[in-house]
Amino acid sequence: MLEQLPEAIARRLEGYQAEPISMGMSGAGVYRLRQPGATGLILKVQPQSDDPDPGFRLASEAEKMRWLSAWVPVPQVLEFCQQDGSEYMLMSEVAGRSGAEDWPSEERARVVVAIAEALKRLHSIPVEQCPFDQRLETKIAQARRRTELGLVNLEDFDERWQGKSAEELLEVLLETRPADEDWVVCHGDYCLPNVLLEQGKLSGLVDLGRAGIADRYQDLALMTRSLTSDLNPQFGEGWDRVFLEAYGIPQPDWERIEFYRLLDEFF
């Protein structure tokens, strides 16, 4: 995939060695690039897509990262190119470790608090200044269109929804839609691999293609699930409540959390 790079990117990568990165579920090919004495780089490559979900379009992610860089630490977009049906985004490498790494037991509480503090910082960005819409009207339209196009991955459904069709799940989604939304600037896929920490503080947010204005529970729902998922055994039961307490919602709306987890099944 790295043999025929766009010229603008190939020029920047002369002398660099590429190493694939497997962590994360973005769907893109992700490569760490290193050269002695030079700052590390990250390259994401994926096919151009007409998917209604902006998380599958690097053009969308590049635009959002450039905007977010004024507010929170994110990778610097160095080049974005489209060539021969593929998208290429070259970024600076952010220092730090992801929340999904195996943290020593004595550090885990500090890590979860830092992740909550990072989210509060993101959610404090003035909504009226954000140009990206991921409110329910938009997200449900995306979910409906992905259902119509057969793009929803049924095999990836949580256990409680296994055996259901996307159409059946869409009916449940519409029936349980909250009556209101508490809008903030959301990450859109706020889970452990997408938060980088250094010295106990946020060093960078990544995988930002779904960022935009949405209910804060969009992010709360996915991080609490991530903290209790089998994919992250260093955490587990009870860490969701530590996170919510640190965020400032010790008594969350669990029905709203379940709704936003259900919404995520379509993406």
C-alpha atoms as a PDB file:
ATOM      1  CA  MET A   1       0.000   0.000   0.000  1.00  0.00           C
ATOM      2  CA  LEU A   2       3.029   2.275   0.468  1.00  0.00           C
ATOM      3  CA  GLU A   3       4.594   1.587  -2.935  1.00  0.00           C
ATOM      4  CA  GLN A   4       2.766   4.303  -4.908  1.00  0.00           C
ATOM      5  CA  LEU A   5       2.537   7.250  -2.539  1.00  0.00           C
ATOM      6  CA  PRO A   6       1.487  10.701  -3.740  1.00  0.00           C
ATOM      7  CA  GLU A   7       4.555  12.754  -4.573  1.00  0.00           C
ATOM      8  CA  ALA A   8       3.948  15.326  -1.817  1.00  0.00           C
ATOM      9  CA  ILE A   9       3.963  12.575   0.817  1.00  0.00           C
ATOM     10  CA  ALA A  10       6.739  10.487  -0.742  1.00  0.00           C
ATOM     11  CA  ARG A  11       9.054  13.515  -0.634  1.00  0.00           C
ATOM     12  CA  ARG A  12       8.502  13.918   3.106  1.00  0.00           C
ATOM     13  CA  LEU A  13       9.129  10.228   3.809  1.00  0.00           C
ATOM     14  CA  GLU A  14      12.520   9.835   2.169  1.00  0.00           C
ATOM     15  CA  GLY A  15      14.760   7.931   4.589  1.00  0.00           C
ATOM     16  CA  TYR A  16      11.907   6.909   6.897  1.00  0.00           C
ATOM     17  CA  GLN A  17      11.160   3.295   7.852  1.00  0.00           C
ATOM     18  CA  ALA A  18       7.491   2.271   8.075  1.00  0.00           C
ATOM     19  CA  GLU A  19       6.001   0.066  10.792  1.00  0.00           C
ATOM     20  CA  PRO A  20       2.313  -0.975  10.656  1.00  0.00           C
ATOM     21  CA  ILE A  21       0.197  -0.119  13.711  1.00  0.00           C
ATOM     22  CA  SER A  22      -2.513  -2.660  14.470  1.00  0.00           C
ATOM     23  CA  MET A  23      -4.145  -1.088  17.555  1.00  0.00           C
ATOM     24  CA  GLY A  24      -7.485   0.587  16.969  1.00  0.00           C
ATOM     25  CA  MET A  25     -10.484  -0.071  14.742  1.00  0.00           C
ATOM     26  CA  SER A  26     -10.473   2.886  12.364  1.00  0.00           C
ATOM     27  CA  GLY A  27     -10.481   0.701   9.236  1.00  0.00           C
ATOM     28  CA  ALA A  28      -7.506   2.581   7.794  1.00  0.00           C
ATOM     29  CA  GLY A  29      -4.002   1.310   7.220  1.00  0.00           C
ATOM     30  CA  VAL A  30      -1.923   3.121   9.841  1.00  0.00           C
ATOM     31  CA  TYR A  31       1.867   3.299   9.790  1.00  0.00           C
ATOM     32  CA  ARG A  32       4.433   4.702  12.188  1.00  0.00           C
ATOM     33  CA  LEU A  33       7.400   6.234  10.358  1.00  0.00           C
ATOM     34  CA  ARG A  34      10.792   6.655  11.988  1.00  0.00           C
ATOM     35  CA  GLN A  35      14.149   8.097  10.963  1.00  0.00           C
ATOM     36  CA  PRO A  36      17.141   8.591  13.289  1.00  0.00           C
ATOM     37  CA  GLY A  37      17.278  12.151  14.496  1.00  0.00           C
ATOM     38  CA  ALA A  38      13.881  13.075  13.061  1.00  0.00           C
ATOM     39  CA  THR A  39      10.458  13.527  14.611  1.00  0.00           C
ATOM     40  CA  GLY A  40       8.195  10.515  14.220  1.00  0.00           C
ATOM     41  CA  LEU A  41       5.331  10.618  11.716  1.00  0.00           C
ATOM     42  CA  ILE A  42       2.063   8.731  11.280  1.00  0.00           C
ATOM     43  CA  LEU A  43       0.544   7.891   7.894  1.00  0.00           C
ATOM     44  CA  LYS A  44      -3.060   6.801   7.433  1.00  0.00           C
ATOM     45  CA  VAL A  45      -4.173   5.293   4.130  1.00  0.00           C
ATOM     46  CA  GLN A  46      -7.619   4.101   3.125  1.00  0.00           C
ATOM     47  CA  PRO A  47      -9.831   3.819   0.050  1.00  0.00           C
ATOM     48  CA  GLN A  48     -11.942   6.836  -0.827  1.00  0.00           C
ATOM     49  CA  SER A  49     -15.424   6.188   0.462  1.00  0.00           C
ATOM     50  CA  ASP A  50     -18.981   7.388  -0.068  1.00  0.00           C
ATOM     51  CA  ASP A  51     -19.972   5.898   3.287  1.00  0.00           C
ATOM     52  CA  PRO A  52     -22.459   8.171   5.110  1.00  0.00           C
ATOM     53  CA  ASP A  53     -20.294   7.762   8.221  1.00  0.00           C
ATOM     54  CA  PRO A  54     -17.612  10.502   8.203  1.00  0.00           C
ATOM     55  CA  GLY A  55     -15.421   8.193  10.278  1.00  0.00           C
ATOM     56  CA  PHE A  56     -14.572   6.385   7.038  1.00  0.00           C
ATOM     57  CA  ARG A  57     -13.341   9.519   5.249  1.00  0.00           C
ATOM     58  CA  LEU A  58      -9.859  10.864   5.919  1.00  0.00           C
ATOM     59  CA  ALA A  59     -10.772  14.160   4.261  1.00  0.00           C
ATOM     60  CA  SER A  60     -13.310  14.717   7.037  1.00  0.00           C
ATOM     61  CA  GLU A  61     -10.845  13.723   9.740  1.00  0.00           C
ATOM     62  CA  ALA A  62      -8.135  16.038   8.390  1.00  0.00           C
ATOM     63  CA  GLU A  63     -10.544  18.982   8.355  1.00  0.00           C
ATOM     64  CA  LYS A  64     -11.685  18.287  11.908  1.00  0.00           C
ATOM     65  CA  MET A  65      -8.171  17.859  13.284  1.00  0.00           C
ATOM     66  CA  ARG A  66      -7.082  21.165  11.782  1.00  0.00           C
ATOM     67  CA  TRP A  67     -10.003  22.891  13.467  1.00  0.00           C
ATOM     68  CA  LEU A  68      -9.622  21.103  16.799  1.00  0.00           C
ATOM     69  CA  SER A  69      -5.916  21.898  17.007  1.00  0.00           C
ATOM     70  CA  ALA A  70      -6.820  25.376  18.259  1.00  0.00           C
ATOM     71  CA  TRP A  71      -8.558  23.853  21.284  1.00  0.00           C
ATOM     72  CA  VAL A  72      -7.056  20.495  22.265  1.00  0.00           C
ATOM     73  CA  PRO A  73      -3.858  18.568  21.456  1.00  0.00           C
ATOM     74  CA  VAL A  74      -4.251  16.551  18.254  1.00  0.00           C
ATOM     75  CA  PRO A  75      -1.763  15.407  15.599  1.00  0.00           C
ATOM     76  CA  GLN A  76      -0.668  18.081  13.172  1.00  0.00           C
ATOM     77  CA  VAL A  77      -1.880  17.338   9.647  1.00  0.00           C
ATOM     78  CA  LEU A  78       1.201  17.691   7.438  1.00  0.00           C
ATOM     79  CA  GLU A  79      -0.231  16.485   4.135  1.00  0.00           C
ATOM     80  CA  PHE A  80      -3.561  15.250   2.854  1.00  0.00           C
ATOM     81  CA  CYS A  81      -3.799  13.774  -0.650  1.00  0.00           C
ATOM     82  CA  GLN A  82      -6.156  11.737  -2.793  1.00  0.00           C
ATOM     83  CA  GLN A  83      -4.763   9.517  -5.532  1.00  0.00           C
ATOM     84  CA  ASP A  84      -5.985   6.533  -7.526  1.00  0.00           C
ATOM     85  CA  GLY A  85      -9.047   5.999  -5.346  1.00  0.00           C
ATOM     86  CA  SER A  86      -7.225   6.254  -2.011  1.00  0.00           C
ATOM     87  CA  GLU A  87      -6.846   8.911   0.664  1.00  0.00           C
ATOM     88  CA  TYR A  88      -3.525   9.618   2.383  1.00  0.00           C
ATOM     89  CA  MET A  89      -3.057  11.660   5.552  1.00  0.00           C
ATOM     90  CA  LEU A  90       0.402  12.316   6.981  1.00  0.00           C
ATOM     91  CA  MET A  91       0.497  13.553  10.570  1.00  0.00           C
ATOM     92  CA  SER A  92       2.939  14.310  13.324  1.00  0.00           C
ATOM     93  CA  GLU A  93       3.322  11.534  15.890  1.00  0.00           C
ATOM     94  CA  VAL A  94       1.924  12.445  19.310  1.00  0.00           C
ATOM     95  CA  ALA A  95       4.049  11.533  22.311  1.00  0.00           C
ATOM     96  CA  GLY A  96       2.518   9.375  25.009  1.00  0.00           C
ATOM     97  CA  ARG A  97       0.748   6.079  25.557  1.00  0.00           C
ATOM     98  CA  SER A  98      -2.832   5.228  24.676  1.00  0.00           C
ATOM     99  CA  GLY A  99      -5.368   4.503  27.368  1.00  0.00           C
ATOM    100  CA  ALA A 100      -5.682   0.975  25.959  1.00  0.00           C
ATOM    101  CA  GLU A 101      -2.133  -0.002  26.867  1.00  0.00           C
ATOM    102  CA  ASP A 102      -1.402  -2.238  29.845  1.00  0.00           C
ATOM    103  CA  TRP A 103      -1.025   0.233  32.699  1.00  0.00           C
ATOM    104  CA  PRO A 104       0.440  -0.827  36.062  1.00  0.00           C
ATOM    105  CA  SER A 105      -2.295  -1.317  38.627  1.00  0.00           C
ATOM    106  CA  GLU A 106      -1.080   1.609  40.743  1.00  0.00           C
ATOM    107  CA  GLU A 107      -1.408   3.995  37.775  1.00  0.00           C
ATOM    108  CA  ARG A 108      -4.857   3.002  36.534  1.00  0.00           C
ATOM    109  CA  ALA A 109      -6.891   5.373  38.689  1.00  0.00           C
ATOM    110  CA  ARG A 110      -4.706   8.299  37.597  1.00  0.00           C
ATOM    111  CA  VAL A 111      -5.112   7.248  33.950  1.00  0.00           C
ATOM    112  CA  VAL A 112      -8.903   7.090  34.157  1.00  0.00           C
ATOM    113  CA  VAL A 113      -9.093  10.468  35.898  1.00  0.00           C
ATOM    114  CA  ALA A 114      -6.850  11.969  33.196  1.00  0.00           C
ATOM    115  CA  ILE A 115      -9.143  10.548  30.500  1.00  0.00           C
ATOM    116  CA  ALA A 116     -12.149  12.129  32.221  1.00  0.00           C
ATOM    117  CA  GLU A 117     -10.339  15.465  32.548  1.00  0.00           C
ATOM    118  CA  ALA A 118      -9.426  15.330  28.862  1.00  0.00           C
ATOM    119  CA  LEU A 119     -13.069  14.832  27.941  1.00  0.00           C
ATOM    120  CA  LYS A 120     -14.155  17.752  30.084  1.00  0.00           C
ATOM    121  CA  ARG A 121     -11.633  19.886  28.233  1.00  0.00           C
ATOM    122  CA  LEU A 122     -12.997  18.797  24.848  1.00  0.00           C
ATOM    123  CA  HIS A 123     -16.590  19.302  25.959  1.00  0.00           C
ATOM    124  CA  SER A 124     -15.791  22.852  27.127  1.00  0.00           C
ATOM    125  CA  ILE A 125     -15.166  24.067  23.549  1.00  0.00           C
ATOM    126  CA  PRO A 126     -17.902  26.597  22.649  1.00  0.00           C
ATOM    127  CA  VAL A 127     -20.544  24.721  20.662  1.00  0.00           C
ATOM    128  CA  GLU A 128     -21.470  27.797  18.648  1.00  0.00           C
ATOM    129  CA  GLN A 129     -17.974  27.865  17.148  1.00  0.00           C
ATOM    130  CA  CYS A 130     -17.995  24.242  15.968  1.00  0.00           C
ATOM    131  CA  PRO A 131     -18.809  23.805  12.253  1.00  0.00           C
ATOM    132  CA  PHE A 132     -19.322  20.019  12.409  1.00  0.00           C
ATOM    133  CA  ASP A 133     -22.763  18.523  13.025  1.00  0.00           C
ATOM    134  CA  GLN A 134     -23.137  15.086  14.601  1.00  0.00           C
ATOM    135  CA  ARG A 135     -26.424  15.701  16.396  1.00  0.00           C
ATOM    136  CA  LEU A 136     -29.022  12.968  16.502  1.00  0.00           C
ATOM    137  CA  GLU A 137     -30.905  14.126  13.421  1.00  0.00           C
ATOM    138  CA  THR A 138     -27.662  13.772  11.449  1.00  0.00           C
ATOM    139  CA  LYS A 139     -26.460  10.569  13.123  1.00  0.00           C
ATOM    140  CA  ILE A 140     -29.786   8.773  12.737  1.00  0.00           C
ATOM    141  CA  ALA A 141     -29.886   9.753   9.060  1.00  0.00           C
ATOM    142  CA  GLN A 142     -26.403   8.242   8.700  1.00  0.00           C
ATOM    143  CA  ALA A 143     -27.518   5.083  10.540  1.00  0.00           C
ATOM    144  CA  ARG A 144     -30.595   4.749   8.341  1.00  0.00           C
ATOM    145  CA  ARG A 145     -28.579   5.199   5.147  1.00  0.00           C
ATOM    146  CA  ARG A 146     -25.918   2.681   6.254  1.00  0.00           C
ATOM    147  CA  THR A 147     -28.740   0.234   6.972  1.00  0.00           C
ATOM    148  CA  GLU A 148     -30.230   0.758   3.511  1.00  0.00           C
ATOM    149  CA  LEU A 149     -26.821   0.250   1.887  1.00  0.00           C
ATOM    150  CA  GLY A 150     -26.097  -2.930   3.853  1.00  0.00           C
ATOM    151  CA  LEU A 151     -23.017  -1.390   5.492  1.00  0.00           C
ATOM    152  CA  VAL A 152     -23.874  -2.246   9.103  1.00  0.00           C
ATOM    153  CA  ASN A 153     -21.671  -5.046  10.461  1.00  0.00           C
ATOM    154  CA  LEU A 154     -24.134  -7.464  12.080  1.00  0.00           C
ATOM    155  CA  GLU A 155     -21.340  -9.714  13.353  1.00  0.00           C
ATOM    156  CA  ASP A 156     -19.945  -6.867  15.429  1.00  0.00           C
ATOM    157  CA  PHE A 157     -23.172  -6.305  17.405  1.00  0.00           C
ATOM    158  CA  ASP A 158     -22.947  -6.505  21.190  1.00  0.00           C
ATOM    159  CA  GLU A 159     -24.104  -9.819  22.598  1.00  0.00           C
ATOM    160  CA  ARG A 160     -27.580  -8.552  23.521  1.00  0.00           C
ATOM    161  CA  TRP A 161     -28.263  -7.642  19.874  1.00  0.00           C
ATOM    162  CA  GLN A 162     -26.823 -10.751  18.230  1.00  0.00           C
ATOM    163  CA  GLY A 163     -29.326 -12.320  15.835  1.00  0.00           C
ATOM    164  CA  LYS A 164     -31.071  -9.007  15.137  1.00  0.00           C
ATOM    165  CA  SER A 165     -31.088  -7.364  11.737  1.00  0.00           C
ATOM    166  CA  ALA A 166     -29.994  -3.768  11.218  1.00  0.00           C
ATOM    167  CA  GLU A 167     -33.602  -2.926  10.338  1.00  0.00           C
ATOM    168  CA  GLU A 168     -34.829  -4.358  13.644  1.00  0.00           C
ATOM    169  CA  LEU A 169     -32.174  -2.441  15.554  1.00  0.00           C
ATOM    170  CA  LEU A 170     -33.101   0.762  13.750  1.00  0.00           C
ATOM    171  CA  GLU A 171     -36.676   0.363  14.985  1.00  0.00           C
ATOM    172  CA  VAL A 172     -35.422   0.024  18.566  1.00  0.00           C
ATOM    173  CA  LEU A 173     -33.203   3.053  18.080  1.00  0.00           C
ATOM    174  CA  LEU A 174     -36.088   5.219  16.906  1.00  0.00           C
ATOM    175  CA  GLU A 175     -38.363   3.996  19.697  1.00  0.00           C
ATOM    176  CA  THR A 176     -35.810   4.798  22.415  1.00  0.00           C
ATOM    177  CA  ARG A 177     -34.534   8.129  21.050  1.00  0.00           C
ATOM    178  CA  PRO A 178     -34.155  10.654  23.894  1.00  0.00           C
ATOM    179  CA  ALA A 179     -36.513  13.607  23.876  1.00  0.00           C
ATOM    180  CA  ASP A 180     -33.658  16.111  24.136  1.00  0.00           C
ATOM    181  CA  GLU A 181     -29.893  16.484  23.686  1.00  0.00           C
ATOM    182  CA  ASP A 182     -27.196  18.119  25.804  1.00  0.00           C
ATOM    183  CA  TRP A 183     -24.980  19.471  23.034  1.00  0.00           C
ATOM    184  CA  VAL A 184     -21.212  19.760  23.384  1.00  0.00           C
ATOM    185  CA  VAL A 185     -18.273  19.302  21.006  1.00  0.00           C
ATOM    186  CA  CYS A 186     -17.813  15.514  21.036  1.00  0.00           C
ATOM    187  CA  HIS A 187     -14.996  13.246  19.940  1.00  0.00           C
ATOM    188  CA  GLY A 188     -17.524  10.802  18.480  1.00  0.00           C
ATOM    189  CA  ASP A 189     -15.452   7.670  19.151  1.00  0.00           C
ATOM    190  CA  TYR A 190     -14.120   8.354  22.633  1.00  0.00           C
ATOM    191  CA  CYS A 191     -12.617   5.027  23.658  1.00  0.00           C
ATOM    192  CA  LEU A 192      -9.337   4.027  25.263  1.00  0.00           C
ATOM    193  CA  PRO A 193      -7.169   3.595  22.117  1.00  0.00           C
ATOM    194  CA  ASN A 194      -8.063   7.104  20.945  1.00  0.00           C
ATOM    195  CA  VAL A 195      -6.732   8.978  24.000  1.00  0.00           C
ATOM    196  CA  LEU A 196      -2.970   9.485  24.399  1.00  0.00           C
ATOM    197  CA  LEU A 197      -1.450  10.424  27.742  1.00  0.00           C
ATOM    198  CA  GLU A 198       1.973  11.605  28.864  1.00  0.00           C
ATOM    199  CA  GLN A 199       3.016  12.312  32.451  1.00  0.00           C
ATOM    200  CA  GLY A 200      -0.543  11.888  33.633  1.00  0.00           C
ATOM    201  CA  LYS A 201      -2.084  14.389  31.216  1.00  0.00           C
ATOM    202  CA  LEU A 202      -3.677  14.435  27.784  1.00  0.00           C
ATOM    203  CA  SER A 203      -1.060  14.550  25.037  1.00  0.00           C
ATOM    204  CA  GLY A 204      -3.348  13.943  22.070  1.00  0.00           C
ATOM    205  CA  LEU A 205      -6.703  12.773  20.726  1.00  0.00           C
ATOM    206  CA  VAL A 206      -6.772  10.617  17.584  1.00  0.00           C
ATOM    207  CA  ASP A 207      -9.328   9.052  15.200  1.00  0.00           C
ATOM    208  CA  LEU A 208     -11.441  12.188  15.017  1.00  0.00           C
ATOM    209  CA  GLY A 209     -13.464  11.581  11.867  1.00  0.00           C
ATOM    210  CA  ARG A 210     -16.737  11.490  13.843  1.00  0.00           C
ATOM    211  CA  ALA A 211     -16.064  14.622  15.890  1.00  0.00           C
ATOM    212  CA  GLY A 212     -18.717  17.318  16.009  1.00  0.00           C
ATOM    213  CA  ILE A 213     -21.629  18.715  17.953  1.00  0.00           C
ATOM    214  CA  ALA A 214     -23.512  15.933  19.743  1.00  0.00           C
ATOM    215  CA  ASP A 215     -24.952  14.980  23.110  1.00  0.00           C
ATOM    216  CA  ARG A 216     -22.172  14.578  25.701  1.00  0.00           C
ATOM    217  CA  TYR A 217     -23.507  11.058  26.305  1.00  0.00           C
ATOM    218  CA  GLN A 218     -22.179  10.080  22.882  1.00  0.00           C
ATOM    219  CA  ASP A 219     -18.693  10.174  24.406  1.00  0.00           C
ATOM    220  CA  LEU A 220     -19.664   9.048  27.906  1.00  0.00           C
ATOM    221  CA  ALA A 221     -21.389   5.950  26.542  1.00  0.00           C
ATOM    222  CA  LEU A 222     -18.443   4.755  24.478  1.00  0.00           C
ATOM    223  CA  MET A 223     -15.756   5.386  27.085  1.00  0.00           C
ATOM    224  CA  THR A 224     -17.687   3.634  29.859  1.00  0.00           C
ATOM    225  CA  ARG A 225     -18.130   0.670  27.516  1.00  0.00           C
ATOM    226  CA  SER A 226     -14.451   0.736  26.586  1.00  0.00           C
ATOM    227  CA  LEU A 227     -13.388   0.719  30.239  1.00  0.00           C
ATOM    228  CA  THR A 228     -15.465  -2.384  30.996  1.00  0.00           C
ATOM    229  CA  SER A 229     -14.822  -4.225  27.719  1.00  0.00           C
ATOM    230  CA  ASP A 230     -12.999  -7.554  27.462  1.00  0.00           C
ATOM    231  CA  LEU A 231     -10.732  -5.748  24.982  1.00  0.00           C
ATOM    232  CA  ASN A 232      -9.264  -3.794  27.902  1.00  0.00           C
ATOM    233  CA  PRO A 233      -8.789  -6.339  30.695  1.00  0.00           C
ATOM    234  CA  GLN A 234      -6.450  -4.045  32.648  1.00  0.00           C
ATOM    235  CA  PHE A 235      -9.585  -2.166  33.659  1.00  0.00           C
ATOM    236  CA  GLY A 236     -12.990  -3.833  34.012  1.00  0.00           C
ATOM    237  CA  GLU A 237     -15.980  -3.673  36.347  1.00  0.00           C
ATOM    238  CA  GLY A 238     -16.266  -0.469  38.340  1.00  0.00           C
ATOM    239  CA  TRP A 239     -13.890   1.656  36.267  1.00  0.00           C
ATOM    240  CA  ASP A 240     -16.817   3.175  34.361  1.00  0.00           C
ATOM    241  CA  ARG A 241     -18.033   4.709  37.622  1.00  0.00           C
ATOM    242  CA  VAL A 242     -14.567   6.027  38.456  1.00  0.00           C
ATOM    243  CA  PHE A 243     -14.547   7.746  35.065  1.00  0.00           C
ATOM    244  CA  LEU A 244     -18.043   9.203  35.449  1.00  0.00           C
ATOM    245  CA  GLU A 245     -17.273  10.469  38.953  1.00  0.00           C
ATOM    246  CA  ALA A 246     -14.112  12.179  37.699  1.00  0.00           C
ATOM    247  CA  TYR A 247     -16.022  13.666  34.762  1.00  0.00           C
ATOM    248  CA  GLY A 248     -18.573  15.112  37.174  1.00  0.00           C
ATOM    249  CA  ILE A 249     -21.631  12.872  36.663  1.00  0.00           C
ATOM    250  CA  PRO A 250     -21.690  10.456  39.605  1.00  0.00           C
ATOM    251  CA  GLN A 251     -25.338   9.593  38.877  1.00  0.00           C
ATOM    252  CA  PRO A 252     -25.530   9.256  35.093  1.00  0.00           C
ATOM    253  CA  ASP A 253     -28.563   8.597  32.913  1.00  0.00           C
ATOM    254  CA  TRP A 254     -27.934   4.914  32.160  1.00  0.00           C
ATOM    255  CA  GLU A 255     -30.828   4.741  29.689  1.00  0.00           C
ATOM    256  CA  ARG A 256     -29.183   7.488  27.654  1.00  0.00           C
ATOM    257  CA  ILE A 257     -25.873   5.632  27.847  1.00  0.00           C
ATOM    258  CA  GLU A 258     -27.555   2.490  26.504  1.00  0.00           C
ATOM    259  CA  PHE A 259     -29.149   4.494  23.683  1.00  0.00           C
ATOM    260  CA  TYR A 260     -25.820   5.904  22.497  1.00  0.00           C
ATOM    261  CA  ARG A 261     -24.212   2.483  22.689  1.00  0.00           C
ATOM    262  CA  LEU A 262     -27.047   1.188  20.527  1.00  0.00           C
ATOM    263  CA  LEU A 263     -26.512   4.057  18.085  1.00  0.00           C
ATOM    264  CA  ASP A 264     -22.860   3.058  17.812  1.00  0.00           C
ATOM    265  CA  GLU A 265     -23.859  -0.381  16.542  1.00  0.00           C
ATOM    266  CA  PHE A 266     -24.567   1.243  13.164  1.00  0.00           C
ATOM    267  CA  PHE A 267     -21.029   2.627  12.777  1.00  0.00           C
END
